[in-house]
Every structure is written in C-alpha cells, then in structure tokens.
Amino acid sequence: MTVLHLFLNMYTRQVTRVSWKGVFSPPFTLSNGVKRGGVLSPIVFFIWIVYCIHSLSLPLAALLAEFLLES
C-alpha cells in the first residue's frame, strides 16, 4: 500500500455514527472536512487554504499566503 492509498483511505468513504444519551444513530457517510485531531489535518487544511488563496489571484491573497508560509 502506498502513502497515497493510505491518505485516500483515511479521507474517503468515511462512515460514522452519532451517540446521544446512549442511543446510536444509523451509520452515515461523511462527505467533507478533515478528521478532527488527525495528524495530517493541519497539513491538509494548509494545502486547502493555499489552494484557495492562489485561486483568488489577488495581491492581497499573495500577501496572506506569504504570511501563512512564514508562520
């Protein structure tokens, strides 16, 4: 299994259930977001933010990207 396969398996086809007062919901698929507390979550979030900033193609976006890269 490659690192890419591992990454894809972690963030696709996610199914979860909600527990409330000891009762579980039926399983449902998670369709967006990153895993809370996941080791890769900050990296995935950073990549997404940089992508969004570059998609804007604005001088302000370039300044914000520089700030994020230096932090």
N, C-alpha and C. Protein backbone atom coordinates (compact mmCIF):
# COMPACT_ATOMS: atom_id res chain seq x y z
N MET A 1 0.85 -1.18 0.00
CA MET A 1 0.00 0.00 0.00
C MET A 1 0.90 1.24 0.00
N THR A 2 0.62 2.17 -0.88
CA THR A 2 1.41 3.39 -0.96
C THR A 2 0.89 4.42 0.03
N VAL A 3 1.66 5.48 0.21
CA VAL A 3 1.25 6.57 1.10
C VAL A 3 -0.02 7.21 0.54
N LEU A 4 -0.10 7.33 -0.77
CA LEU A 4 -1.29 7.91 -1.39
C LEU A 4 -2.54 7.08 -1.07
N HIS A 5 -2.42 5.76 -1.17
CA HIS A 5 -3.55 4.89 -0.83
C HIS A 5 -3.95 5.05 0.64
N LEU A 6 -2.96 5.14 1.50
CA LEU A 6 -3.24 5.33 2.92
C LEU A 6 -4.00 6.63 3.14
N PHE A 7 -3.53 7.69 2.51
CA PHE A 7 -4.15 9.01 2.63
C PHE A 7 -5.59 8.97 2.10
N LEU A 8 -5.77 8.37 0.93
CA LEU A 8 -7.12 8.30 0.35
C LEU A 8 -8.06 7.48 1.21
N ASN A 9 -7.58 6.40 1.79
CA ASN A 9 -8.42 5.57 2.66
C ASN A 9 -8.81 6.30 3.94
N MET A 10 -7.93 7.18 4.40
CA MET A 10 -8.23 7.93 5.63
C MET A 10 -9.29 9.00 5.40
N TYR A 11 -9.35 9.57 4.19
CA TYR A 11 -10.20 10.74 3.95
C TYR A 11 -11.32 10.50 2.94
N THR A 12 -11.53 9.28 2.49
CA THR A 12 -12.65 8.99 1.60
C THR A 12 -13.45 7.85 2.19
N ARG A 13 -14.67 7.77 1.80
CA ARG A 13 -15.57 6.70 2.26
C ARG A 13 -15.62 6.60 3.78
N GLN A 14 -15.64 7.74 4.44
CA GLN A 14 -15.72 7.73 5.91
C GLN A 14 -17.18 7.55 6.34
N VAL A 15 -17.39 6.65 7.25
CA VAL A 15 -18.73 6.41 7.80
C VAL A 15 -18.65 6.57 9.32
N THR A 16 -19.66 7.19 9.88
CA THR A 16 -19.68 7.39 11.33
C THR A 16 -21.09 7.26 11.86
N ARG A 17 -21.21 7.27 13.17
CA ARG A 17 -22.49 7.26 13.87
C ARG A 17 -22.42 8.27 15.00
N VAL A 18 -23.56 8.82 15.36
CA VAL A 18 -23.63 9.77 16.46
C VAL A 18 -24.26 9.07 17.65
N SER A 19 -23.68 9.31 18.82
CA SER A 19 -24.24 8.76 20.05
C SER A 19 -24.80 9.91 20.88
N TRP A 20 -26.06 9.77 21.28
CA TRP A 20 -26.69 10.78 22.12
C TRP A 20 -27.53 10.08 23.16
N LYS A 21 -27.20 10.33 24.41
CA LYS A 21 -27.88 9.71 25.55
C LYS A 21 -27.90 8.19 25.43
N GLY A 22 -26.79 7.63 24.97
CA GLY A 22 -26.65 6.18 24.89
C GLY A 22 -27.32 5.54 23.68
N VAL A 23 -27.91 6.33 22.81
CA VAL A 23 -28.57 5.81 21.60
C VAL A 23 -27.73 6.21 20.39
N PHE A 24 -27.49 5.24 19.51
CA PHE A 24 -26.68 5.50 18.32
C PHE A 24 -27.56 5.74 17.10
N SER A 25 -27.13 6.67 16.27
CA SER A 25 -27.81 6.93 15.01
C SER A 25 -27.44 5.84 14.01
N PRO A 26 -28.19 5.75 12.92
CA PRO A 26 -27.76 4.84 11.85
C PRO A 26 -26.45 5.37 11.25
N PRO A 27 -25.62 4.51 10.68
CA PRO A 27 -24.38 4.98 10.05
C PRO A 27 -24.67 5.93 8.89
N PHE A 28 -23.84 6.96 8.75
CA PHE A 28 -23.96 7.86 7.61
C PHE A 28 -22.57 8.23 7.11
N THR A 29 -22.50 8.62 5.86
CA THR A 29 -21.22 8.94 5.20
C THR A 29 -20.85 10.39 5.45
N LEU A 30 -19.58 10.62 5.79
CA LEU A 30 -19.05 11.97 5.91
C LEU A 30 -18.57 12.39 4.53
N SER A 31 -19.02 13.55 4.07
CA SER A 31 -18.69 13.95 2.71
C SER A 31 -17.71 15.10 2.61
N ASN A 32 -17.38 15.76 3.71
CA ASN A 32 -16.42 16.86 3.64
C ASN A 32 -15.72 17.05 4.97
N GLY A 33 -14.68 17.87 4.94
CA GLY A 33 -13.94 18.16 6.16
C GLY A 33 -12.74 17.25 6.36
N VAL A 34 -11.96 17.59 7.37
CA VAL A 34 -10.81 16.77 7.73
C VAL A 34 -11.04 16.20 9.12
N LYS A 35 -10.35 15.14 9.42
CA LYS A 35 -10.54 14.49 10.71
C LYS A 35 -10.07 15.40 11.84
N ARG A 36 -10.92 15.57 12.81
CA ARG A 36 -10.55 16.37 13.97
C ARG A 36 -9.54 15.60 14.80
N GLY A 37 -8.42 16.23 15.08
CA GLY A 37 -7.39 15.59 15.87
C GLY A 37 -6.48 14.69 15.06
N GLY A 38 -6.72 14.58 13.77
CA GLY A 38 -5.87 13.75 12.92
C GLY A 38 -4.50 14.38 12.73
N VAL A 39 -3.48 13.56 12.63
CA VAL A 39 -2.11 14.06 12.47
C VAL A 39 -1.96 14.85 11.18
N LEU A 40 -2.62 14.42 10.12
CA LEU A 40 -2.50 15.09 8.83
C LEU A 40 -3.46 16.27 8.66
N SER A 41 -4.39 16.46 9.58
CA SER A 41 -5.40 17.50 9.43
C SER A 41 -4.82 18.90 9.25
N PRO A 42 -3.83 19.34 10.04
CA PRO A 42 -3.28 20.68 9.81
C PRO A 42 -2.62 20.81 8.44
N ILE A 43 -1.99 19.76 7.97
CA ILE A 43 -1.33 19.81 6.66
C ILE A 43 -2.37 19.89 5.55
N VAL A 44 -3.41 19.08 5.65
CA VAL A 44 -4.48 19.09 4.64
C VAL A 44 -5.17 20.45 4.64
N PHE A 45 -5.43 21.01 5.81
CA PHE A 45 -6.06 22.33 5.91
C PHE A 45 -5.16 23.39 5.29
N PHE A 46 -3.87 23.35 5.55
CA PHE A 46 -2.93 24.32 5.00
C PHE A 46 -2.91 24.24 3.47
N ILE A 47 -2.87 23.04 2.93
CA ILE A 47 -2.86 22.86 1.47
C ILE A 47 -4.14 23.44 0.86
N TRP A 48 -5.27 23.20 1.52
CA TRP A 48 -6.54 23.73 1.03
C TRP A 48 -6.55 25.26 1.07
N ILE A 49 -6.07 25.84 2.15
CA ILE A 49 -6.03 27.31 2.27
C ILE A 49 -5.14 27.91 1.19
N VAL A 50 -3.96 27.35 0.97
CA VAL A 50 -3.05 27.86 -0.06
C VAL A 50 -3.71 27.76 -1.43
N TYR A 51 -4.39 26.64 -1.69
CA TYR A 51 -5.10 26.47 -2.97
C TYR A 51 -6.16 27.57 -3.13
N CYS A 52 -6.94 27.83 -2.09
CA CYS A 52 -7.98 28.86 -2.16
C CYS A 52 -7.37 30.24 -2.41
N ILE A 53 -6.28 30.53 -1.73
CA ILE A 53 -5.64 31.84 -1.89
C ILE A 53 -5.11 32.00 -3.31
N HIS A 54 -4.46 30.97 -3.83
CA HIS A 54 -3.94 31.05 -5.19
C HIS A 54 -5.07 31.13 -6.21
N SER A 55 -6.21 30.56 -5.92
CA SER A 55 -7.36 30.62 -6.83
C SER A 55 -7.92 32.03 -6.93
N LEU A 56 -7.76 32.82 -5.88
CA LEU A 56 -8.27 34.19 -5.89
C LEU A 56 -7.48 35.10 -6.84
N SER A 57 -6.19 34.85 -6.97
CA SER A 57 -5.31 35.64 -7.85
C SER A 57 -5.37 37.13 -7.54
N LEU A 58 -5.37 37.47 -6.28
CA LEU A 58 -5.38 38.86 -5.85
C LEU A 58 -4.09 39.19 -5.13
N PRO A 59 -3.61 40.44 -5.22
CA PRO A 59 -2.41 40.82 -4.47
C PRO A 59 -2.57 40.58 -2.96
N LEU A 60 -3.76 40.81 -2.44
CA LEU A 60 -4.00 40.58 -1.01
C LEU A 60 -3.84 39.09 -0.69
N ALA A 61 -4.28 38.25 -1.59
CA ALA A 61 -4.15 36.81 -1.38
C ALA A 61 -2.68 36.41 -1.34
N ALA A 62 -1.85 37.02 -2.17
CA ALA A 62 -0.42 36.71 -2.18
C ALA A 62 0.21 37.11 -0.85
N LEU A 63 -0.18 38.26 -0.32
CA LEU A 63 0.34 38.70 0.98
C LEU A 63 -0.09 37.75 2.08
N LEU A 64 -1.33 37.30 2.04
CA LEU A 64 -1.82 36.36 3.04
C LEU A 64 -1.09 35.02 2.94
N ALA A 65 -0.83 34.57 1.72
CA ALA A 65 -0.10 33.31 1.53
C ALA A 65 1.31 33.43 2.10
N GLU A 66 1.97 34.55 1.86
CA GLU A 66 3.31 34.77 2.43
C GLU A 66 3.26 34.71 3.95
N PHE A 67 2.26 35.35 4.54
CA PHE A 67 2.12 35.35 5.99
C PHE A 67 1.93 33.94 6.51
N LEU A 68 1.07 33.15 5.84
CA LEU A 68 0.82 31.78 6.28
C LEU A 68 2.07 30.91 6.14
N LEU A 69 2.83 31.12 5.09
CA LEU A 69 4.03 30.32 4.89
C LEU A 69 5.11 30.64 5.90
N GLU A 70 5.16 31.88 6.38
CA GLU A 70 6.16 32.27 7.38
C GLU A 70 5.78 31.82 8.78
N SER A 71 4.49 31.65 9.03
CA SER A 71 4.03 31.29 10.38
C SER A 71 4.38 29.90 10.76
